[in-house]
Amino acid sequence: MTSETNTASTVVYQVSGMTCGHCEGAVNSEISAIAGVTSVKADATTGRVTVTATGPLDDEAVRAAVDEAGYELAGRA
């Protein structure tokens, strides 16, 4: 049996293509559906999305969620 530490993590991502509040909402909604995510704050003016989770974030899951919302994840900011 392995023991895991549940340490909250916050990561800021750079997302291209967001231009308005509707864009922010779409990205927030998709990323919020990822297991363990507790908070998402997208900012269309900077293109930054701050994600907080109960443990380490899976960048590929975040990339897939951003793609599903119709935007492109450029990477960690």
Foldseek 3Di string as FASTA:
>chain_A
DDDDDFAKDKFKWAKPDQADPVLQVQLQVLVVPDPFWDDWGADSVRRIIITMGRHDDDVVSSQVSNVVSPIGTPGTD
